[in-house]
Protein backbone atom coordinates (compact mmCIF):
# COMPACT_ATOMS: atom_id res chain seq x y z
CA MET A 1 122.62 112.18 97.31
CA SER A 2 122.81 112.61 100.53
CA LEU A 3 119.45 109.92 100.53
CA LEU A 4 121.90 107.52 99.99
CA LYS A 5 124.01 107.25 103.68
CA SER A 6 120.20 105.90 104.96
CA LEU A 7 119.72 103.27 103.21
CA SER A 8 121.32 99.54 102.78
CA LYS A 9 123.99 98.09 99.70
CA GLU A 10 121.49 96.54 98.53
CA GLN A 11 119.37 99.39 98.27
CA LYS A 12 121.61 101.25 97.36
CA GLU A 13 122.96 99.32 94.09
CA ALA A 14 119.51 99.00 92.72
CA ILE A 15 119.28 102.91 92.73
CA LYS A 16 123.02 103.35 91.60
CA ASN A 17 122.54 100.40 89.18
CA ILE A 18 121.92 102.50 85.07
CA GLU A 19 123.07 100.27 82.78
CA SER A 20 119.77 98.01 82.64
CA PRO A 21 116.70 97.35 84.00
CA MET A 22 115.86 96.36 86.66
CA LEU A 23 113.47 93.70 89.17
CA VAL A 24 113.76 94.73 92.76
CA THR A 25 111.48 91.76 94.69
CA GLY A 26 111.59 91.39 98.75
CA GLY A 27 108.54 90.88 101.49
CA ALA A 28 105.87 93.41 102.73
CA GLY A 29 107.44 96.56 103.72
CA CYS A 30 110.79 95.54 103.59
CA GLY A 31 111.07 99.19 100.38
CA LYS A 32 110.57 97.79 97.84
CA THR A 33 108.27 101.71 96.94
CA PHE A 34 110.71 103.10 98.66
CA THR A 35 113.89 102.49 96.11
CA LEU A 36 111.18 102.96 93.62
CA VAL A 37 110.64 106.06 93.71
CA ASN A 38 114.02 107.29 95.09
CA LYS A 39 115.30 105.81 91.96
CA VAL A 40 113.27 107.65 89.92
CA VAL A 41 114.65 111.04 92.05
CA TYR A 42 118.40 109.62 91.32
CA LEU A 43 117.79 109.19 87.72
CA ILE A 44 116.23 112.82 87.22
CA LYS A 45 118.42 114.28 89.76
CA ASP A 46 121.68 113.02 89.27
CA GLU A 47 121.09 111.41 85.92
CA LYS A 48 119.30 114.21 84.41
CA VAL A 49 116.79 111.26 82.62
CA LYS A 50 113.77 112.93 81.52
CA PRO A 51 110.87 111.56 83.58
CA GLU A 52 108.39 111.01 80.24
CA ASN A 53 111.63 108.62 79.62
CA ILE A 54 111.45 106.45 83.18
CA LEU A 55 109.03 103.62 83.40
CA VAL A 56 108.01 102.37 86.93
CA LEU A 57 105.89 99.08 87.35
CA THR A 58 104.46 97.74 90.00
CA HIS A 59 101.11 95.10 90.55
CA ALA A 60 99.78 96.80 94.15
CA ASP A 61 97.26 99.94 93.84
CA LYS A 62 98.84 101.37 96.80
CA ASP A 63 102.54 101.23 95.52
CA ALA A 64 100.45 102.98 92.21
CA ARG A 65 99.88 106.11 94.16
CA VAL A 66 102.54 106.39 95.89
CA ILE A 67 104.30 106.56 93.05
CA LYS A 68 102.65 108.48 91.26
CA ASP A 69 102.21 111.46 93.65
């Protein structure tokens, strides 16, 4: 996935970890939503996971709109 080239080490690890549930934490503007969205893309495109088998939770309305779209 070419997107992985532009990510930090921590973002790459979060996106490529498919063995267990994960919690993404960090301060404002650090890329949490970006990482979650791209993990979903990675799961669907590279790992062939069906979208209906993916659950993403967020507590912020803005983040929920980004993930939904």
